C-alpha atoms as a PDB file:
ATOM      1  CA  MET A   1     179.017 163.270  41.413  1.00  0.00           C
ATOM      2  CA  VAL A   2     176.072 161.222  42.423  1.00  0.00           C
ATOM      3  CA  ASP A   3     175.866 159.299  45.682  1.00  0.00           C
ATOM      4  CA  LYS A   4     174.442 155.838  44.592  1.00  0.00           C
ATOM      5  CA  THR A   5     174.400 154.581  48.303  1.00  0.00           C
ATOM      6  CA  GLN A   6     171.109 156.913  48.680  1.00  0.00           C
ATOM      7  CA  ASP A   7     169.170 155.370  45.937  1.00  0.00           C
ATOM      8  CA  GLU A   8     170.298 151.456  46.569  1.00  0.00           C
ATOM      9  CA  PRO A   9     167.720 149.837  49.274  1.00  0.00           C
ATOM     10  CA  VAL A  10     169.408 148.574  52.414  1.00  0.00           C
ATOM     11  CA  HIS A  11     168.999 145.286  52.770  1.00  0.00           C
ATOM     12  CA  PRO A  12     169.190 143.474  55.963  1.00  0.00           C
ATOM     13  CA  PRO A  13     171.400 140.100  56.299  1.00  0.00           C
ATOM     14  CA  ARG A  14     170.291 137.139  55.010  1.00  0.00           C
ATOM     15  CA  ILE A  15     170.878 133.512  55.374  1.00  0.00           C
ATOM     16  CA  ASP A  16     171.329 130.731  52.988  1.00  0.00           C
ATOM     17  CA  ALA A  17     167.811 128.606  51.859  1.00  0.00           C
ATOM     18  CA  ILE A  18     169.982 125.484  52.472  1.00  0.00           C
ATOM     19  CA  PHE A  19     170.847 126.251  55.890  1.00  0.00           C
ATOM     20  CA  ARG A  20     167.336 127.072  57.077  1.00  0.00           C
ATOM     21  CA  SER A  21     166.493 123.567  55.521  1.00  0.00           C
ATOM     22  CA  GLY A  22     168.531 121.876  57.678  1.00  0.00           C
ATOM     23  CA  SER A  23     167.322 123.773  60.373  1.00  0.00           C
ATOM     24  CA  LEU A  24     163.794 123.081  59.582  1.00  0.00           C
ATOM     25  CA  THR A  25     164.504 119.243  59.696  1.00  0.00           C
ATOM     26  CA  ALA A  26     166.264 119.385  62.810  1.00  0.00           C
ATOM     27  CA  ILE A  27     163.457 121.320  64.461  1.00  0.00           C
ATOM     28  CA  SER A  28     160.765 118.636  63.002  1.00  0.00           C
ATOM     29  CA  VAL A  29     162.779 115.904  64.298  1.00  0.00           C
ATOM     30  CA  VAL A  30     162.939 117.377  67.810  1.00  0.00           C
ATOM     31  CA  LEU A  31     159.361 118.211  67.841  1.00  0.00           C
ATOM     32  CA  GLY A  32     158.145 114.824  66.549  1.00  0.00           C
ATOM     33  CA  PHE A  33     159.639 113.474  69.453  1.00  0.00           C
ATOM     34  CA  SER A  34     158.220 116.017  71.757  1.00  0.00           C
ATOM     35  CA  LEU A  35     154.824 115.271  70.536  1.00  0.00           C
ATOM     36  CA  GLY A  36     155.568 111.492  70.780  1.00  0.00           C
ATOM     37  CA  PHE A  37     156.438 111.603  74.144  1.00  0.00           C
ATOM     38  CA  LEU A  38     153.718 113.346  75.305  1.00  0.00           C
ATOM     39  CA  SER A  39     151.125 111.419  73.162  1.00  0.00           C
ATOM     40  CA  ARG A  40     152.665 108.074  74.981  1.00  0.00           C
ATOM     41  CA  TRP A  41     152.452 109.950  78.049  1.00  0.00           C
ATOM     42  CA  GLY A  42     148.592 110.899  77.706  1.00  0.00           C
ATOM     43  CA  GLY A  43     147.729 107.331  76.875  1.00  0.00           C
ATOM     44  CA  LEU A  44     148.893 105.445  79.693  1.00  0.00           C
ATOM     45  CA  PRO A  45     146.311 104.476  82.394  1.00  0.00           C
ATOM     46  CA  GLY A  46     146.711 105.678  86.048  1.00  0.00           C
ATOM     47  CA  GLU A  47     146.542 108.208  88.338  1.00  0.00           C
ATOM     48  CA  TRP A  48     147.700 112.062  88.028  1.00  0.00           C
ATOM     49  CA  THR A  49     150.266 113.534  90.283  1.00  0.00           C
ATOM     50  CA  ARG A  50     150.817 117.093  91.230  1.00  0.00           C
ATOM     51  CA  SER A  51     154.712 116.259  89.451  1.00  0.00           C
ATOM     52  CA  ASP A  52     152.690 115.122  86.486  1.00  0.00           C
ATOM     53  CA  VAL A  53     151.009 118.439  86.205  1.00  0.00           C
ATOM     54  CA  PHE A  54     154.127 120.162  86.211  1.00  0.00           C
ATOM     55  CA  ALA A  55     155.878 117.934  83.929  1.00  0.00           C
ATOM     56  CA  VAL A  56     153.152 117.885  81.237  1.00  0.00           C
ATOM     57  CA  ILE A  57     152.767 121.767  81.643  1.00  0.00           C
ATOM     58  CA  ALA A  58     156.464 122.421  81.183  1.00  0.00           C
ATOM     59  CA  ILE A  59     156.469 120.005  78.242  1.00  0.00           C
ATOM     60  CA  THR A  60     153.227 121.335  76.440  1.00  0.00           C
ATOM     61  CA  LEU A  61     154.432 125.173  76.774  1.00  0.00           C
ATOM     62  CA  GLY A  62     157.453 123.659  75.479  1.00  0.00           C
ATOM     63  CA  ILE A  63     155.998 122.492  72.125  1.00  0.00           C
ATOM     64  CA  VAL A  64     153.690 125.171  71.643  1.00  0.00           C
ATOM     65  CA  LEU A  65     157.234 127.069  71.404  1.00  0.00           C
ATOM     66  CA  GLN A  66     158.717 124.418  69.328  1.00  0.00           C
ATOM     67  CA  ILE A  67     155.723 124.588  66.678  1.00  0.00           C
ATOM     68  CA  LYS A  68     155.781 128.447  66.910  1.00  0.00           C
ATOM     69  CA  ALA A  69     159.450 128.272  65.885  1.00  0.00           C
ATOM     70  CA  LEU A  70     158.720 125.797  63.111  1.00  0.00           C
ATOM     71  CA  ILE A  71     156.014 128.166  61.551  1.00  0.00           C
ATOM     72  CA  ASP A  72     158.556 130.993  61.863  1.00  0.00           C
ATOM     73  CA  LEU A  73     161.043 128.980  60.034  1.00  0.00           C
ATOM     74  CA  LEU A  74     158.346 128.148  56.804  1.00  0.00           C
ATOM     75  CA  SER A  75     158.497 131.517  56.428  1.00  0.00           C
ATOM     76  CA  ILE A  76     160.380 133.346  53.676  1.00  0.00           C
ATOM     77  CA  GLU A  77     160.869 135.999  55.874  1.00  0.00           C
ATOM     78  CA  SER A  78     162.882 133.782  58.106  1.00  0.00           C
ATOM     79  CA  LEU A  79     165.908 134.171  55.583  1.00  0.00           C
ATOM     80  CA  VAL A  80     166.244 137.533  57.084  1.00  0.00           C
ATOM     81  CA  ARG A  81     168.970 136.113  59.753  1.00  0.00           C
ATOM     82  CA  ALA A  82     166.947 138.740  62.307  1.00  0.00           C
ATOM     83  CA  ARG A  83     164.186 136.773  62.258  1.00  0.00           C
ATOM     84  CA  TYR A  84     166.051 133.103  61.701  1.00  0.00           C
ATOM     85  CA  GLU A  85     167.777 133.990  64.817  1.00  0.00           C
ATOM     86  CA  ARG A  86     164.809 134.943  66.961  1.00  0.00           C
ATOM     87  CA  ALA A  87     163.275 131.739  65.630  1.00  0.00           C
ATOM     88  CA  ILE A  88     165.948 129.446  66.741  1.00  0.00           C
ATOM     89  CA  ARG A  89     165.830 131.351  70.206  1.00  0.00           C
ATOM     90  CA  ILE A  90     162.092 130.545  70.296  1.00  0.00           C
ATOM     91  CA  PHE A  91     162.956 126.916  69.233  1.00  0.00           C
ATOM     92  CA  VAL A  92     165.959 126.627  71.779  1.00  0.00           C
ATOM     93  CA  THR A  93     163.558 127.785  74.827  1.00  0.00           C
ATOM     94  CA  GLY A  94     160.816 125.258  73.858  1.00  0.00           C
ATOM     95  CA  LEU A  95     163.486 122.467  73.768  1.00  0.00           C
ATOM     96  CA  VAL A  96     164.387 123.546  77.056  1.00  0.00           C
ATOM     97  CA  LEU A  97     161.189 123.387  78.382  1.00  0.00           C
ATOM     98  CA  VAL A  98     160.769 120.107  77.164  1.00  0.00           C
ATOM     99  CA  THR A  99     163.626 118.856  78.936  1.00  0.00           C
ATOM    100  CA  LEU A 100     163.055 120.428  82.124  1.00  0.00           C
ATOM    101  CA  GLY A 101     159.466 118.499  82.381  1.00  0.00           C
ATOM    102  CA  VAL A 102     161.125 115.077  81.459  1.00  0.00           C
ATOM    103  CA  ALA A 103     163.218 115.918  83.821  1.00  0.00           C
ATOM    104  CA  ALA A 104     160.931 116.929  86.383  1.00  0.00           C
ATOM    105  CA  ALA A 105     159.175 113.457  85.846  1.00  0.00           C
ATOM    106  CA  ILE A 106     162.362 111.570  86.281  1.00  0.00           C
ATOM    107  CA  PHE A 107     163.372 113.181  89.354  1.00  0.00           C
ATOM    108  CA  ALA A 108     159.992 113.001  90.901  1.00  0.00           C
ATOM    109  CA  GLU A 109     159.697 109.166  90.125  1.00  0.00           C
ATOM    110  CA  LEU A 110     163.343 108.987  91.487  1.00  0.00           C
ATOM    111  CA  ILE A 111     162.452 110.515  94.780  1.00  0.00           C
ATOM    112  CA  GLY A 112     158.910 108.522  94.982  1.00  0.00           C
ATOM    113  CA  TYR A 113     157.057 111.018  93.868  1.00  0.00           C
ATOM    114  CA  GLY A 114     156.582 110.085  90.338  1.00  0.00           C
ATOM    115  CA  GLY A 115     153.038 109.292  88.764  1.00  0.00           C
ATOM    116  CA  ILE A 116     152.213 107.886  85.367  1.00  0.00           C
ATOM    117  CA  ALA A 117     155.249 109.394  83.305  1.00  0.00           C
ATOM    118  CA  LEU A 118     157.494 106.754  83.422  1.00  0.00           C
ATOM    119  CA  GLU A 119     155.024 103.853  83.545  1.00  0.00           C
ATOM    120  CA  GLY A 120     154.738 101.178  80.917  1.00  0.00           C
END
């Protein structure tokens, strides 16, 4: 009797392509809002403060991670579940950084250290 399990290649768990498409759409929309916020902020006249610098660094790093996640999900290899889950973790980390940057700008404005982020 021949053991067929040795002849069959082992395939890692995969996700459905339609499921990945929904994730791509959601990430693209959130990335668009993040870029729009940073673009609007960068175009405002006025003096930058330390709170602005901290916030813009957090937002920029978050956007970089969101772009990395989008690039990873555009690869056909992202249908492998482990790669998909890694890309989602990268995206969520980027989203948290953008959120922290925006929250820092709002908090700085509330306590009187705000710069140009919330003007205009």
